[in-house]
Amino acid sequence: MEQEIKIESEIETAPSKTVSQDEVLQAALKLFAQKGYFNTSLTDIKDAAGLKTANGVYQFFKTKQAIAETLRDNILDSFSISIDDIRRRNRKASEQLREIVDLLFKLTDDAPEIVQFLLFINTENFLPDSVPLMDSAAFNKIKRIIQNGIKEGEIRSIDYLLAYCYFFGIINQTLLMVLNGALPKSADSYQSQAWLAAWGCIAKK
């Protein structure tokens, strides 16, 4: 798969170097994923970005909350675009869901902080005015894929939200266990088994 949510994976900046907004965002993303939002300060972000003073952060963002909000918007927008691409390439719900799973597992191996922030950090705790994850454009598109799969007879005739819960319950729990080390191998090692289990829960027999 070629989809990528484009946030640079490495930051290598000298302390005196002027950094870009993307580098500040990447530094914050890693810290939020590793330490949590509330345990991360603007000073931490400044240090991780390789800045001598906080002015390099303040030129882009006035608050830590603004950084988190921009991160969330960027990740969700990129994920939504990737889902659009997947839907254009594939007609069947099974094919679309398979590619979404492929993307999530690839990101878990290549950019784990993105998956951690997207799926497993409860951003509503510190972004109370944000749209709930399940009501975001990206996740509404996934719900429509499941609804269409039910309509076309690929997915069992059950409540579409229940089908979502069955399917992504398996996928997300697998990803979470990879991220926290409970599953010791790469996400790719478990992808086929997780797909078979998740699809088997909702596929019309």
C-alpha atoms as a PDB file:
ATOM      1  CA  MET A   1       0.000   0.000   0.000  1.00  0.00           C
ATOM      2  CA  GLU A   2       1.130   3.462  -0.827  1.00  0.00           C
ATOM      3  CA  GLN A   3      -0.960   5.574   1.551  1.00  0.00           C
ATOM      4  CA  GLU A   4       1.028   7.501   4.072  1.00  0.00           C
ATOM      5  CA  ILE A   5      -0.021   9.985   6.682  1.00  0.00           C
ATOM      6  CA  LYS A   6       2.737  12.458   6.132  1.00  0.00           C
ATOM      7  CA  ILE A   7       4.336  13.483   9.396  1.00  0.00           C
ATOM      8  CA  GLU A   8       8.101  13.248   9.355  1.00  0.00           C
ATOM      9  CA  SER A   9       9.350  10.374  11.484  1.00  0.00           C
ATOM     10  CA  GLU A  10      12.665  11.792  12.652  1.00  0.00           C
ATOM     11  CA  ILE A  11      13.820  15.152  13.966  1.00  0.00           C
ATOM     12  CA  GLU A  12      17.511  15.907  13.955  1.00  0.00           C
ATOM     13  CA  THR A  13      18.053  19.568  14.698  1.00  0.00           C
ATOM     14  CA  ALA A  14      20.898  21.418  16.293  1.00  0.00           C
ATOM     15  CA  PRO A  15      19.907  23.437  19.362  1.00  0.00           C
ATOM     16  CA  SER A  16      20.391  26.738  17.570  1.00  0.00           C
ATOM     17  CA  LYS A  17      18.553  25.794  14.410  1.00  0.00           C
ATOM     18  CA  THR A  18      15.242  27.379  13.455  1.00  0.00           C
ATOM     19  CA  VAL A  19      12.669  24.639  13.115  1.00  0.00           C
ATOM     20  CA  SER A  20       9.511  24.389  11.061  1.00  0.00           C
ATOM     21  CA  GLN A  21       5.962  24.037  12.280  1.00  0.00           C
ATOM     22  CA  ASP A  22       5.973  20.390  11.179  1.00  0.00           C
ATOM     23  CA  GLU A  23       9.035  19.709  13.335  1.00  0.00           C
ATOM     24  CA  VAL A  24       7.341  21.249  16.364  1.00  0.00           C
ATOM     25  CA  LEU A  25       4.261  19.122  15.684  1.00  0.00           C
ATOM     26  CA  GLN A  26       6.342  15.964  15.338  1.00  0.00           C
ATOM     27  CA  ALA A  27       8.172  16.655  18.581  1.00  0.00           C
ATOM     28  CA  ALA A  28       4.856  17.163  20.361  1.00  0.00           C
ATOM     29  CA  LEU A  29       3.333  14.052  18.788  1.00  0.00           C
ATOM     30  CA  LYS A  30       6.134  11.840  20.096  1.00  0.00           C
ATOM     31  CA  LEU A  31       5.894  13.324  23.573  1.00  0.00           C
ATOM     32  CA  PHE A  32       2.098  13.055  23.719  1.00  0.00           C
ATOM     33  CA  ALA A  33       2.327   9.402  22.658  1.00  0.00           C
ATOM     34  CA  GLN A  34       5.126   8.563  25.107  1.00  0.00           C
ATOM     35  CA  LYS A  35       4.285  10.687  28.164  1.00  0.00           C
ATOM     36  CA  GLY A  36       0.682  11.688  27.654  1.00  0.00           C
ATOM     37  CA  TYR A  37      -0.725  15.130  26.971  1.00  0.00           C
ATOM     38  CA  PHE A  38      -0.966  16.257  30.579  1.00  0.00           C
ATOM     39  CA  ASN A  39       2.578  15.145  31.420  1.00  0.00           C
ATOM     40  CA  THR A  40       4.050  17.082  28.488  1.00  0.00           C
ATOM     41  CA  SER A  41       4.922  20.772  28.840  1.00  0.00           C
ATOM     42  CA  LEU A  42       5.737  23.402  26.244  1.00  0.00           C
ATOM     43  CA  THR A  43       9.277  23.332  27.609  1.00  0.00           C
ATOM     44  CA  ASP A  44       9.426  19.602  26.866  1.00  0.00           C
ATOM     45  CA  ILE A  45       8.277  20.274  23.312  1.00  0.00           C
ATOM     46  CA  LYS A  46      10.799  23.085  22.924  1.00  0.00           C
ATOM     47  CA  ASP A  47      13.613  20.812  24.079  1.00  0.00           C
ATOM     48  CA  ALA A  48      12.523  17.889  21.908  1.00  0.00           C
ATOM     49  CA  ALA A  49      12.398  20.150  18.858  1.00  0.00           C
ATOM     50  CA  GLY A  50      15.976  21.295  19.544  1.00  0.00           C
ATOM     51  CA  LEU A  51      15.107  24.901  20.356  1.00  0.00           C
ATOM     52  CA  LYS A  52      16.990  27.117  22.824  1.00  0.00           C
ATOM     53  CA  THR A  53      13.925  29.143  23.787  1.00  0.00           C
ATOM     54  CA  ALA A  54      10.154  28.709  23.638  1.00  0.00           C
ATOM     55  CA  ASN A  55       9.899  31.507  21.064  1.00  0.00           C
ATOM     56  CA  GLY A  56      10.391  28.935  18.333  1.00  0.00           C
ATOM     57  CA  VAL A  57       7.229  27.215  19.516  1.00  0.00           C
ATOM     58  CA  TYR A  58       5.257  30.416  20.170  1.00  0.00           C
ATOM     59  CA  GLN A  59       5.781  31.651  16.629  1.00  0.00           C
ATOM     60  CA  PHE A  60       3.486  28.820  15.533  1.00  0.00           C
ATOM     61  CA  PHE A  61       1.381  27.975  18.591  1.00  0.00           C
ATOM     62  CA  LYS A  62       0.370  29.984  21.636  1.00  0.00           C
ATOM     63  CA  THR A  63      -0.711  27.007  23.748  1.00  0.00           C
ATOM     64  CA  LYS A  64      -0.128  23.286  24.111  1.00  0.00           C
ATOM     65  CA  GLN A  65      -3.815  22.772  23.370  1.00  0.00           C
ATOM     66  CA  ALA A  66      -3.408  24.519  20.015  1.00  0.00           C
ATOM     67  CA  ILE A  67      -0.610  22.090  19.147  1.00  0.00           C
ATOM     68  CA  ALA A  68      -2.779  19.094  20.052  1.00  0.00           C
ATOM     69  CA  GLU A  69      -5.707  20.468  18.064  1.00  0.00           C
ATOM     70  CA  THR A  70      -3.570  20.985  14.957  1.00  0.00           C
ATOM     71  CA  LEU A  71      -2.102  17.501  15.294  1.00  0.00           C
ATOM     72  CA  ARG A  72      -5.531  15.918  15.573  1.00  0.00           C
ATOM     73  CA  ASP A  73      -6.890  17.865  12.602  1.00  0.00           C
ATOM     74  CA  ASN A  74      -3.875  17.018  10.429  1.00  0.00           C
ATOM     75  CA  ILE A  75      -3.960  13.307  11.241  1.00  0.00           C
ATOM     76  CA  LEU A  76      -7.713  13.010  10.749  1.00  0.00           C
ATOM     77  CA  ASP A  77      -7.579  14.965   7.475  1.00  0.00           C
ATOM     78  CA  SER A  78      -4.812  12.737   6.129  1.00  0.00           C
ATOM     79  CA  PHE A  79      -6.629   9.595   7.248  1.00  0.00           C
ATOM     80  CA  SER A  80      -9.819  10.823   5.585  1.00  0.00           C
ATOM     81  CA  ILE A  81      -7.965  11.457   2.310  1.00  0.00           C
ATOM     82  CA  SER A  82      -6.479   7.959   2.465  1.00  0.00           C
ATOM     83  CA  ILE A  83      -9.955   6.476   2.939  1.00  0.00           C
ATOM     84  CA  ASP A  84     -11.203   8.428  -0.092  1.00  0.00           C
ATOM     85  CA  ASP A  85      -8.375   6.924  -2.153  1.00  0.00           C
ATOM     86  CA  ILE A  86      -9.211   3.430  -0.898  1.00  0.00           C
ATOM     87  CA  ARG A  87     -12.887   3.819  -1.755  1.00  0.00           C
ATOM     88  CA  ARG A  88     -12.077   5.028  -5.256  1.00  0.00           C
ATOM     89  CA  ARG A  89      -9.904   1.971  -5.927  1.00  0.00           C
ATOM     90  CA  ASN A  90     -12.255  -0.654  -4.539  1.00  0.00           C
ATOM     91  CA  ARG A  91     -15.967  -1.285  -4.934  1.00  0.00           C
ATOM     92  CA  LYS A  92     -16.650  -3.966  -2.318  1.00  0.00           C
ATOM     93  CA  ALA A  93     -16.845  -3.211   1.388  1.00  0.00           C
ATOM     94  CA  SER A  94     -14.544  -6.152   2.110  1.00  0.00           C
ATOM     95  CA  GLU A  95     -11.842  -4.722  -0.170  1.00  0.00           C
ATOM     96  CA  GLN A  96     -12.176  -1.243   1.332  1.00  0.00           C
ATOM     97  CA  LEU A  97     -12.014  -2.503   4.909  1.00  0.00           C
ATOM     98  CA  ARG A  98      -9.039  -4.710   4.063  1.00  0.00           C
ATOM     99  CA  GLU A  99      -7.085  -1.725   2.752  1.00  0.00           C
ATOM    100  CA  ILE A 100      -7.990   0.372   5.788  1.00  0.00           C
ATOM    101  CA  VAL A 101      -6.671  -2.437   7.993  1.00  0.00           C
ATOM    102  CA  ASP A 102      -3.532  -2.615   5.840  1.00  0.00           C
ATOM    103  CA  LEU A 103      -3.003   1.126   6.360  1.00  0.00           C
ATOM    104  CA  LEU A 104      -3.489   0.979  10.127  1.00  0.00           C
ATOM    105  CA  PHE A 105      -1.101  -1.945  10.540  1.00  0.00           C
ATOM    106  CA  LYS A 106       1.512  -0.315   8.315  1.00  0.00           C
ATOM    107  CA  LEU A 107       1.285   2.913  10.307  1.00  0.00           C
ATOM    108  CA  THR A 108       1.607   0.997  13.563  1.00  0.00           C
ATOM    109  CA  ASP A 109       4.959  -0.340  12.396  1.00  0.00           C
ATOM    110  CA  ASP A 110       6.181   2.788  10.577  1.00  0.00           C
ATOM    111  CA  ALA A 111       4.665   5.651  12.595  1.00  0.00           C
ATOM    112  CA  PRO A 112       3.355   4.254  15.895  1.00  0.00           C
ATOM    113  CA  GLU A 113       2.883   7.692  17.458  1.00  0.00           C
ATOM    114  CA  ILE A 114       0.249   8.503  14.842  1.00  0.00           C
ATOM    115  CA  VAL A 115      -1.811   5.405  15.629  1.00  0.00           C
ATOM    116  CA  GLN A 116      -1.386   5.970  19.365  1.00  0.00           C
ATOM    117  CA  PHE A 117      -2.631   9.546  19.064  1.00  0.00           C
ATOM    118  CA  LEU A 118      -5.408   8.728  16.591  1.00  0.00           C
ATOM    119  CA  LEU A 119      -6.944   5.697  18.270  1.00  0.00           C
ATOM    120  CA  PHE A 120      -5.794   5.385  21.865  1.00  0.00           C
ATOM    121  CA  ILE A 121      -5.364   8.855  23.346  1.00  0.00           C
ATOM    122  CA  ASN A 122      -8.674  10.268  24.502  1.00  0.00           C
ATOM    123  CA  THR A 123      -8.283  13.725  23.018  1.00  0.00           C
ATOM    124  CA  GLU A 124     -11.732  14.756  24.248  1.00  0.00           C
ATOM    125  CA  ASN A 125     -10.160  15.062  27.718  1.00  0.00           C
ATOM    126  CA  PHE A 126      -8.056  18.031  26.593  1.00  0.00           C
ATOM    127  CA  LEU A 127      -9.900  19.135  23.441  1.00  0.00           C
ATOM    128  CA  PRO A 128     -13.450  19.288  24.794  1.00  0.00           C
ATOM    129  CA  ASP A 129     -14.783  21.319  21.875  1.00  0.00           C
ATOM    130  CA  SER A 130     -13.496  18.938  19.210  1.00  0.00           C
ATOM    131  CA  VAL A 131     -15.759  16.667  17.194  1.00  0.00           C
ATOM    132  CA  PRO A 132     -15.867  13.183  18.762  1.00  0.00           C
ATOM    133  CA  LEU A 133     -13.667  10.710  16.895  1.00  0.00           C
ATOM    134  CA  MET A 134     -16.577   8.566  15.732  1.00  0.00           C
ATOM    135  CA  ASP A 135     -18.305  11.655  14.313  1.00  0.00           C
ATOM    136  CA  SER A 136     -15.260  12.859  12.366  1.00  0.00           C
ATOM    137  CA  ALA A 137     -15.306  12.758   8.563  1.00  0.00           C
ATOM    138  CA  ALA A 138     -12.868   9.844   8.382  1.00  0.00           C
ATOM    139  CA  PHE A 139     -14.820   7.611  10.732  1.00  0.00           C
ATOM    140  CA  ASN A 140     -18.161   8.546   9.191  1.00  0.00           C
ATOM    141  CA  LYS A 141     -16.740   7.241   5.902  1.00  0.00           C
ATOM    142  CA  ILE A 142     -15.794   3.950   7.565  1.00  0.00           C
ATOM    143  CA  LYS A 143     -19.291   3.650   9.000  1.00  0.00           C
ATOM    144  CA  ARG A 144     -20.749   4.217   5.528  1.00  0.00           C
ATOM    145  CA  ILE A 145     -18.531   1.449   4.141  1.00  0.00           C
ATOM    146  CA  ILE A 146     -20.042  -0.925   6.698  1.00  0.00           C
ATOM    147  CA  GLN A 147     -23.564   0.294   5.969  1.00  0.00           C
ATOM    148  CA  ASN A 148     -23.008  -0.292   2.236  1.00  0.00           C
ATOM    149  CA  GLY A 149     -21.599  -3.730   2.971  1.00  0.00           C
ATOM    150  CA  ILE A 150     -24.789  -4.629   4.828  1.00  0.00           C
ATOM    151  CA  LYS A 151     -26.916  -3.231   2.003  1.00  0.00           C
ATOM    152  CA  GLU A 152     -24.987  -5.194  -0.645  1.00  0.00           C
ATOM    153  CA  GLY A 153     -25.162  -8.431   1.352  1.00  0.00           C
ATOM    154  CA  GLU A 154     -21.437  -8.735   2.137  1.00  0.00           C
ATOM    155  CA  ILE A 155     -21.894  -7.992   5.831  1.00  0.00           C
ATOM    156  CA  ARG A 156     -24.443  -9.589   8.138  1.00  0.00           C
ATOM    157  CA  SER A 157     -27.724  -7.757   8.581  1.00  0.00           C
ATOM    158  CA  ILE A 158     -27.030  -6.358  12.032  1.00  0.00           C
ATOM    159  CA  ASP A 159     -26.861  -2.840  13.393  1.00  0.00           C
ATOM    160  CA  TYR A 160     -24.008  -1.153  11.515  1.00  0.00           C
ATOM    161  CA  LEU A 161     -22.548   0.288  14.711  1.00  0.00           C
ATOM    162  CA  LEU A 162     -22.503  -3.180  16.237  1.00  0.00           C
ATOM    163  CA  ALA A 163     -20.734  -4.455  13.113  1.00  0.00           C
ATOM    164  CA  TYR A 164     -18.211  -1.623  13.494  1.00  0.00           C
ATOM    165  CA  CYS A 165     -17.709  -2.587  17.134  1.00  0.00           C
ATOM    166  CA  TYR A 166     -17.150  -6.272  16.327  1.00  0.00           C
ATOM    167  CA  PHE A 167     -14.760  -5.566  13.463  1.00  0.00           C
ATOM    168  CA  PHE A 168     -12.644  -2.763  14.894  1.00  0.00           C
ATOM    169  CA  GLY A 169     -12.738  -4.212  18.379  1.00  0.00           C
ATOM    170  CA  ILE A 170     -10.448  -6.966  17.113  1.00  0.00           C
ATOM    171  CA  ILE A 171      -8.345  -4.701  14.893  1.00  0.00           C
ATOM    172  CA  ASN A 172      -7.832  -1.962  17.471  1.00  0.00           C
ATOM    173  CA  GLN A 173      -7.106  -4.347  20.331  1.00  0.00           C
ATOM    174  CA  THR A 174      -4.448  -6.067  18.231  1.00  0.00           C
ATOM    175  CA  LEU A 175      -2.840  -2.731  17.399  1.00  0.00           C
ATOM    176  CA  LEU A 176      -2.948  -1.625  21.024  1.00  0.00           C
ATOM    177  CA  MET A 177      -1.249  -4.825  22.178  1.00  0.00           C
ATOM    178  CA  VAL A 178       1.496  -4.317  19.606  1.00  0.00           C
ATOM    179  CA  LEU A 179       2.006  -0.722  20.717  1.00  0.00           C
ATOM    180  CA  ASN A 180       2.238  -1.581  24.414  1.00  0.00           C
ATOM    181  CA  GLY A 181       4.464  -4.612  23.812  1.00  0.00           C
ATOM    182  CA  ALA A 182       1.947  -7.255  24.900  1.00  0.00           C
ATOM    183  CA  LEU A 183       2.317  -8.709  21.409  1.00  0.00           C
ATOM    184  CA  PRO A 184       6.094  -8.867  20.890  1.00  0.00           C
ATOM    185  CA  LYS A 185       6.332  -8.933  17.089  1.00  0.00           C
ATOM    186  CA  SER A 186       5.663  -6.263  14.478  1.00  0.00           C
ATOM    187  CA  ALA A 187       2.073  -5.385  13.618  1.00  0.00           C
ATOM    188  CA  ASP A 188       2.616  -6.900  10.190  1.00  0.00           C
ATOM    189  CA  SER A 189       3.164 -10.300  11.830  1.00  0.00           C
ATOM    190  CA  TYR A 190      -0.412 -10.318  13.129  1.00  0.00           C
ATOM    191  CA  GLN A 191      -2.173  -8.566  10.269  1.00  0.00           C
ATOM    192  CA  SER A 192      -3.540 -11.583   8.385  1.00  0.00           C
ATOM    193  CA  GLN A 193      -4.807 -13.310  11.511  1.00  0.00           C
ATOM    194  CA  ALA A 194      -6.437 -10.145  12.822  1.00  0.00           C
ATOM    195  CA  TRP A 195      -8.108  -9.514   9.467  1.00  0.00           C
ATOM    196  CA  LEU A 196      -9.513 -13.033   9.270  1.00  0.00           C
ATOM    197  CA  ALA A 197     -10.869 -12.853  12.813  1.00  0.00           C
ATOM    198  CA  ALA A 198     -12.378  -9.371  12.368  1.00  0.00           C
ATOM    199  CA  TRP A 199     -13.929 -10.036   8.968  1.00  0.00           C
ATOM    200  CA  GLY A 200     -15.223 -13.404  10.157  1.00  0.00           C
ATOM    201  CA  CYS A 201     -17.219 -11.620  12.875  1.00  0.00           C
ATOM    202  CA  ILE A 202     -19.242  -9.560  10.428  1.00  0.00           C
ATOM    203  CA  ALA A 203     -19.131 -11.356   7.065  1.00  0.00           C
ATOM    204  CA  LYS A 204     -22.398 -12.770   5.813  1.00  0.00           C
ATOM    205  CA  LYS A 205     -22.012 -16.546   5.727  1.00  0.00           C
END
